[in-house]
Amino acid sequence: MTPADNPSADDRLKALFALDEPAPRDPVFNTEVMAKVMRQRLREEVAMLSGVSVIGAGALWLVWPTLQPGLLALSQGLAPAAGALAVAGCATLIAGLWRPASAHVG
């Protein structure tokens, strides 16, 4: 009897553990299943957000006659400040996003 005919204890254990391993997975099948799950979640989220938007629009439509006079009074006094805040916000955004090309290296 040669050593090749007599498997070692490690070989026997590997053979036993191989029986417990899960079946190989098909990546295409997994991708298709996950795509289907994600499409279903997207549909559910869009339906929920659409419903919330319709309810919010309806509520705003109901209270608009009450809010409109107050908003008009506030907007006349805050228009210059709102313009200045918009310019400052844009400048801050641009300053935060714009960097010299050397800052992106390394």
N, C-alpha and C. Protein backbone atom coordinates (compact mmCIF):
# COMPACT_ATOMS: atom_id res chain seq x y z
N MET A 1 0.85 -1.17 0.00
CA MET A 1 0.00 0.00 0.00
C MET A 1 0.90 1.24 0.00
N THR A 2 0.61 2.16 -0.91
CA THR A 2 1.41 3.38 -1.04
C THR A 2 0.77 4.50 -0.23
N PRO A 3 1.54 5.56 0.08
CA PRO A 3 0.97 6.69 0.84
C PRO A 3 -0.17 7.37 0.08
N ALA A 4 -0.18 7.29 -1.26
CA ALA A 4 -1.25 7.91 -2.03
C ALA A 4 -2.57 7.19 -1.82
N ASP A 5 -2.50 5.87 -1.53
CA ASP A 5 -3.72 5.09 -1.31
C ASP A 5 -4.29 5.29 0.09
N ASN A 6 -3.47 5.75 1.02
CA ASN A 6 -3.89 5.92 2.40
C ASN A 6 -4.00 7.41 2.70
N PRO A 7 -5.20 7.99 2.65
CA PRO A 7 -5.33 9.43 2.92
C PRO A 7 -5.05 9.74 4.38
N SER A 8 -4.49 10.91 4.58
CA SER A 8 -4.18 11.33 5.94
C SER A 8 -5.45 11.79 6.65
N ALA A 9 -5.31 12.03 7.93
CA ALA A 9 -6.45 12.50 8.72
C ALA A 9 -6.92 13.85 8.21
N ASP A 10 -5.99 14.71 7.79
CA ASP A 10 -6.38 16.02 7.26
C ASP A 10 -7.21 15.87 5.98
N ASP A 11 -6.79 14.95 5.14
CA ASP A 11 -7.55 14.74 3.90
C ASP A 11 -8.95 14.22 4.19
N ARG A 12 -9.05 13.32 5.16
CA ARG A 12 -10.38 12.79 5.52
C ARG A 12 -11.26 13.89 6.11
N LEU A 13 -10.67 14.77 6.95
CA LEU A 13 -11.45 15.88 7.51
C LEU A 13 -11.88 16.86 6.43
N LYS A 14 -10.98 17.17 5.49
CA LYS A 14 -11.34 18.06 4.39
C LYS A 14 -12.50 17.48 3.59
N ALA A 15 -12.48 16.17 3.37
CA ALA A 15 -13.55 15.52 2.63
C ALA A 15 -14.86 15.60 3.40
N LEU A 16 -14.79 15.42 4.72
CA LEU A 16 -16.01 15.52 5.54
C LEU A 16 -16.56 16.95 5.56
N PHE A 17 -15.66 17.93 5.73
CA PHE A 17 -16.11 19.32 5.76
C PHE A 17 -16.64 19.77 4.41
N ALA A 18 -16.14 19.22 3.33
CA ALA A 18 -16.60 19.59 2.00
C ALA A 18 -18.06 19.22 1.81
N LEU A 19 -18.52 18.18 2.52
CA LEU A 19 -19.93 17.79 2.42
C LEU A 19 -20.85 18.84 3.02
N ASP A 20 -20.35 19.61 4.00
CA ASP A 20 -21.18 20.62 4.67
C ASP A 20 -21.14 21.98 3.99
N GLU A 21 -20.29 22.16 3.01
CA GLU A 21 -20.19 23.46 2.35
C GLU A 21 -21.45 23.73 1.52
N PRO A 22 -21.85 24.99 1.45
CA PRO A 22 -23.03 25.30 0.63
C PRO A 22 -22.71 25.11 -0.84
N ALA A 23 -23.76 24.95 -1.60
CA ALA A 23 -23.59 24.78 -3.04
C ALA A 23 -23.01 26.06 -3.64
N PRO A 24 -22.28 25.94 -4.73
CA PRO A 24 -21.75 27.15 -5.36
C PRO A 24 -22.88 28.07 -5.80
N ARG A 25 -22.62 29.36 -5.73
CA ARG A 25 -23.66 30.33 -6.05
C ARG A 25 -23.47 30.87 -7.45
N ASP A 26 -24.60 31.15 -8.06
CA ASP A 26 -24.57 31.70 -9.41
C ASP A 26 -24.64 33.22 -9.30
N PRO A 27 -23.56 33.94 -9.68
CA PRO A 27 -23.57 35.40 -9.52
C PRO A 27 -24.62 36.08 -10.38
N VAL A 28 -24.92 35.53 -11.54
CA VAL A 28 -25.95 36.14 -12.40
C VAL A 28 -27.31 36.03 -11.74
N PHE A 29 -27.61 34.86 -11.17
CA PHE A 29 -28.89 34.67 -10.48
C PHE A 29 -28.99 35.60 -9.28
N ASN A 30 -27.91 35.68 -8.49
CA ASN A 30 -27.92 36.57 -7.32
C ASN A 30 -28.14 38.02 -7.74
N THR A 31 -27.50 38.43 -8.83
CA THR A 31 -27.65 39.81 -9.30
C THR A 31 -29.08 40.07 -9.74
N GLU A 32 -29.67 39.13 -10.45
CA GLU A 32 -31.06 39.30 -10.91
C GLU A 32 -32.03 39.36 -9.73
N VAL A 33 -31.82 38.52 -8.74
CA VAL A 33 -32.71 38.53 -7.57
C VAL A 33 -32.58 39.85 -6.82
N MET A 34 -31.35 40.32 -6.62
CA MET A 34 -31.15 41.59 -5.92
C MET A 34 -31.72 42.76 -6.71
N ALA A 35 -31.60 42.71 -8.04
CA ALA A 35 -32.18 43.78 -8.87
C ALA A 35 -33.69 43.79 -8.72
N LYS A 36 -34.31 42.62 -8.69
CA LYS A 36 -35.76 42.55 -8.52
C LYS A 36 -36.17 43.10 -7.16
N VAL A 37 -35.42 42.75 -6.12
CA VAL A 37 -35.72 43.25 -4.76
C VAL A 37 -35.58 44.77 -4.72
N MET A 38 -34.52 45.29 -5.32
CA MET A 38 -34.30 46.74 -5.30
C MET A 38 -35.38 47.48 -6.10
N ARG A 39 -35.82 46.90 -7.24
CA ARG A 39 -36.91 47.53 -8.00
C ARG A 39 -38.18 47.58 -7.18
N GLN A 40 -38.47 46.50 -6.43
CA GLN A 40 -39.66 46.48 -5.59
C GLN A 40 -39.56 47.53 -4.49
N ARG A 41 -38.40 47.66 -3.87
CA ARG A 41 -38.21 48.68 -2.83
C ARG A 41 -38.36 50.08 -3.41
N LEU A 42 -37.84 50.29 -4.62
CA LEU A 42 -37.97 51.59 -5.27
C LEU A 42 -39.44 51.91 -5.50
N ARG A 43 -40.20 50.93 -6.00
CA ARG A 43 -41.64 51.16 -6.22
C ARG A 43 -42.35 51.52 -4.91
N GLU A 44 -42.01 50.81 -3.84
CA GLU A 44 -42.65 51.09 -2.55
C GLU A 44 -42.29 52.49 -2.05
N GLU A 45 -41.03 52.88 -2.19
CA GLU A 45 -40.62 54.20 -1.72
C GLU A 45 -41.24 55.31 -2.56
N VAL A 46 -41.32 55.11 -3.87
CA VAL A 46 -41.94 56.12 -4.73
C VAL A 46 -43.42 56.24 -4.39
N ALA A 47 -44.09 55.12 -4.17
CA ALA A 47 -45.51 55.17 -3.82
C ALA A 47 -45.71 55.90 -2.49
N MET A 48 -44.86 55.60 -1.49
CA MET A 48 -44.99 56.26 -0.20
C MET A 48 -44.71 57.76 -0.31
N LEU A 49 -43.64 58.12 -1.01
CA LEU A 49 -43.31 59.54 -1.14
C LEU A 49 -44.36 60.29 -1.97
N SER A 50 -44.94 59.63 -2.95
CA SER A 50 -46.01 60.27 -3.73
C SER A 50 -47.22 60.54 -2.85
N GLY A 51 -47.57 59.57 -2.03
CA GLY A 51 -48.70 59.75 -1.12
C GLY A 51 -48.46 60.89 -0.13
N VAL A 52 -47.26 60.92 0.44
CA VAL A 52 -46.93 61.98 1.39
C VAL A 52 -46.94 63.34 0.69
N SER A 53 -46.46 63.40 -0.53
CA SER A 53 -46.45 64.66 -1.28
C SER A 53 -47.86 65.15 -1.57
N VAL A 54 -48.74 64.23 -1.95
CA VAL A 54 -50.13 64.61 -2.22
C VAL A 54 -50.81 65.11 -0.96
N ILE A 55 -50.58 64.43 0.16
CA ILE A 55 -51.17 64.86 1.43
C ILE A 55 -50.61 66.23 1.83
N GLY A 56 -49.30 66.42 1.68
CA GLY A 56 -48.70 67.72 2.01
C GLY A 56 -49.21 68.83 1.12
N ALA A 57 -49.36 68.54 -0.18
CA ALA A 57 -49.88 69.56 -1.09
C ALA A 57 -51.32 69.91 -0.74
N GLY A 58 -52.10 68.92 -0.38
CA GLY A 58 -53.48 69.18 0.03
C GLY A 58 -53.55 70.02 1.30
N ALA A 59 -52.70 69.72 2.26
CA ALA A 59 -52.68 70.49 3.51
C ALA A 59 -52.24 71.93 3.23
N LEU A 60 -51.23 72.10 2.39
CA LEU A 60 -50.79 73.46 2.05
C LEU A 60 -51.88 74.22 1.30
N TRP A 61 -52.59 73.53 0.42
CA TRP A 61 -53.68 74.17 -0.32
C TRP A 61 -54.77 74.65 0.64
N LEU A 62 -55.04 73.86 1.70
CA LEU A 62 -56.07 74.24 2.66
C LEU A 62 -55.67 75.45 3.50
N VAL A 63 -54.40 75.53 3.90
CA VAL A 63 -53.99 76.61 4.79
C VAL A 63 -53.40 77.80 4.04
N TRP A 64 -53.27 77.72 2.71
CA TRP A 64 -52.66 78.81 1.96
C TRP A 64 -53.36 80.15 2.15
N PRO A 65 -54.69 80.23 2.11
CA PRO A 65 -55.34 81.54 2.31
C PRO A 65 -54.98 82.18 3.65
N THR A 66 -54.70 81.38 4.66
CA THR A 66 -54.32 81.91 5.96
C THR A 66 -52.85 82.34 5.97
N LEU A 67 -51.99 81.59 5.28
CA LEU A 67 -50.57 81.87 5.29
C LEU A 67 -50.16 83.00 4.35
N GLN A 68 -50.89 83.19 3.28
CA GLN A 68 -50.46 84.12 2.23
C GLN A 68 -50.25 85.56 2.72
N PRO A 69 -51.16 86.16 3.48
CA PRO A 69 -50.91 87.54 3.93
C PRO A 69 -49.66 87.68 4.80
N GLY A 70 -49.43 86.72 5.68
CA GLY A 70 -48.24 86.79 6.53
C GLY A 70 -46.96 86.61 5.73
N LEU A 71 -46.98 85.71 4.74
CA LEU A 71 -45.80 85.50 3.90
C LEU A 71 -45.50 86.73 3.05
N LEU A 72 -46.53 87.38 2.56
CA LEU A 72 -46.32 88.59 1.77
C LEU A 72 -45.69 89.69 2.63
N ALA A 73 -46.18 89.85 3.85
CA ALA A 73 -45.62 90.87 4.73
C ALA A 73 -44.16 90.56 5.07
N LEU A 74 -43.85 89.30 5.33
CA LEU A 74 -42.48 88.93 5.64
C LEU A 74 -41.56 89.05 4.43
N SER A 75 -42.05 88.68 3.27
CA SER A 75 -41.17 88.67 2.10
C SER A 75 -40.77 90.09 1.68
N GLN A 76 -41.62 91.07 1.88
CA GLN A 76 -41.27 92.44 1.50
C GLN A 76 -40.13 92.96 2.37
N GLY A 77 -40.13 92.61 3.62
CA GLY A 77 -39.08 93.08 4.51
C GLY A 77 -37.80 92.25 4.41
N LEU A 78 -37.92 90.99 4.03
CA LEU A 78 -36.76 90.11 4.01
C LEU A 78 -36.14 89.93 2.63
N ALA A 79 -36.70 90.54 1.59
CA ALA A 79 -36.19 90.35 0.24
C ALA A 79 -34.71 90.75 0.12
N PRO A 80 -34.30 91.91 0.60
CA PRO A 80 -32.87 92.25 0.49
C PRO A 80 -31.97 91.28 1.26
N ALA A 81 -32.40 90.89 2.43
CA ALA A 81 -31.60 89.96 3.23
C ALA A 81 -31.55 88.59 2.58
N ALA A 82 -32.65 88.16 1.97
CA ALA A 82 -32.67 86.86 1.30
C ALA A 82 -31.72 86.85 0.12
N GLY A 83 -31.67 87.95 -0.64
CA GLY A 83 -30.74 88.05 -1.75
C GLY A 83 -29.30 87.98 -1.28
N ALA A 84 -29.00 88.70 -0.21
CA ALA A 84 -27.64 88.69 0.33
C ALA A 84 -27.27 87.31 0.86
N LEU A 85 -28.20 86.64 1.51
CA LEU A 85 -27.94 85.28 2.01
C LEU A 85 -27.72 84.31 0.86
N ALA A 86 -28.48 84.46 -0.22
CA ALA A 86 -28.30 83.58 -1.38
C ALA A 86 -26.91 83.77 -2.00
N VAL A 87 -26.48 85.02 -2.13
CA VAL A 87 -25.15 85.28 -2.69
C VAL A 87 -24.07 84.73 -1.76
N ALA A 88 -24.23 84.92 -0.46
CA ALA A 88 -23.25 84.41 0.49
C ALA A 88 -23.21 82.88 0.48
N GLY A 89 -24.37 82.26 0.36
CA GLY A 89 -24.42 80.80 0.30
C GLY A 89 -23.74 80.27 -0.95
N CYS A 90 -23.98 80.90 -2.08
CA CYS A 90 -23.33 80.47 -3.33
C CYS A 90 -21.82 80.67 -3.25
N ALA A 91 -21.39 81.77 -2.69
CA ALA A 91 -19.96 82.01 -2.57
C ALA A 91 -19.31 80.99 -1.65
N THR A 92 -19.98 80.64 -0.56
CA THR A 92 -19.46 79.64 0.36
C THR A 92 -19.38 78.27 -0.32
N LEU A 93 -20.42 77.94 -1.07
CA LEU A 93 -20.44 76.67 -1.78
C LEU A 93 -19.31 76.59 -2.80
N ILE A 94 -19.15 77.64 -3.56
CA ILE A 94 -18.10 77.66 -4.58
C ILE A 94 -16.72 77.60 -3.92
N ALA A 95 -16.54 78.34 -2.84
CA ALA A 95 -15.24 78.33 -2.15
C ALA A 95 -14.95 76.95 -1.56
N GLY A 96 -15.98 76.27 -1.10
CA GLY A 96 -15.79 74.94 -0.54
C GLY A 96 -15.51 73.89 -1.59
N LEU A 97 -16.07 74.04 -2.79
CA LEU A 97 -15.90 73.04 -3.83
C LEU A 97 -14.68 73.30 -4.71
N TRP A 98 -14.34 74.57 -4.88
CA TRP A 98 -13.25 74.90 -5.78
C TRP A 98 -11.93 74.82 -5.04
N ARG A 99 -11.00 74.07 -5.62
CA ARG A 99 -9.66 73.97 -5.06
C ARG A 99 -8.68 73.99 -6.23
N PRO A 100 -7.50 74.44 -6.00
CA PRO A 100 -6.49 74.37 -7.06
C PRO A 100 -6.22 72.91 -7.41
N ALA A 101 -5.71 72.70 -8.62
CA ALA A 101 -5.45 71.34 -9.08
C ALA A 101 -4.44 70.64 -8.21
N SER A 102 -3.52 71.36 -7.60
CA SER A 102 -2.49 70.73 -6.75
C SER A 102 -3.10 70.12 -5.49
N ALA A 103 -4.26 70.61 -5.05
CA ALA A 103 -4.89 70.08 -3.85
C ALA A 103 -5.50 68.71 -4.10
N HIS A 104 -5.80 68.37 -5.35
CA HIS A 104 -6.41 67.10 -5.68
C HIS A 104 -5.38 65.99 -5.86
N VAL A 105 -4.12 66.35 -6.02
CA VAL A 105 -3.07 65.37 -6.25
C VAL A 105 -2.62 64.79 -4.92
N GLY A 106 -2.49 63.47 -4.88
CA GLY A 106 -1.95 62.82 -3.69
C GLY A 106 -2.93 62.70 -2.64
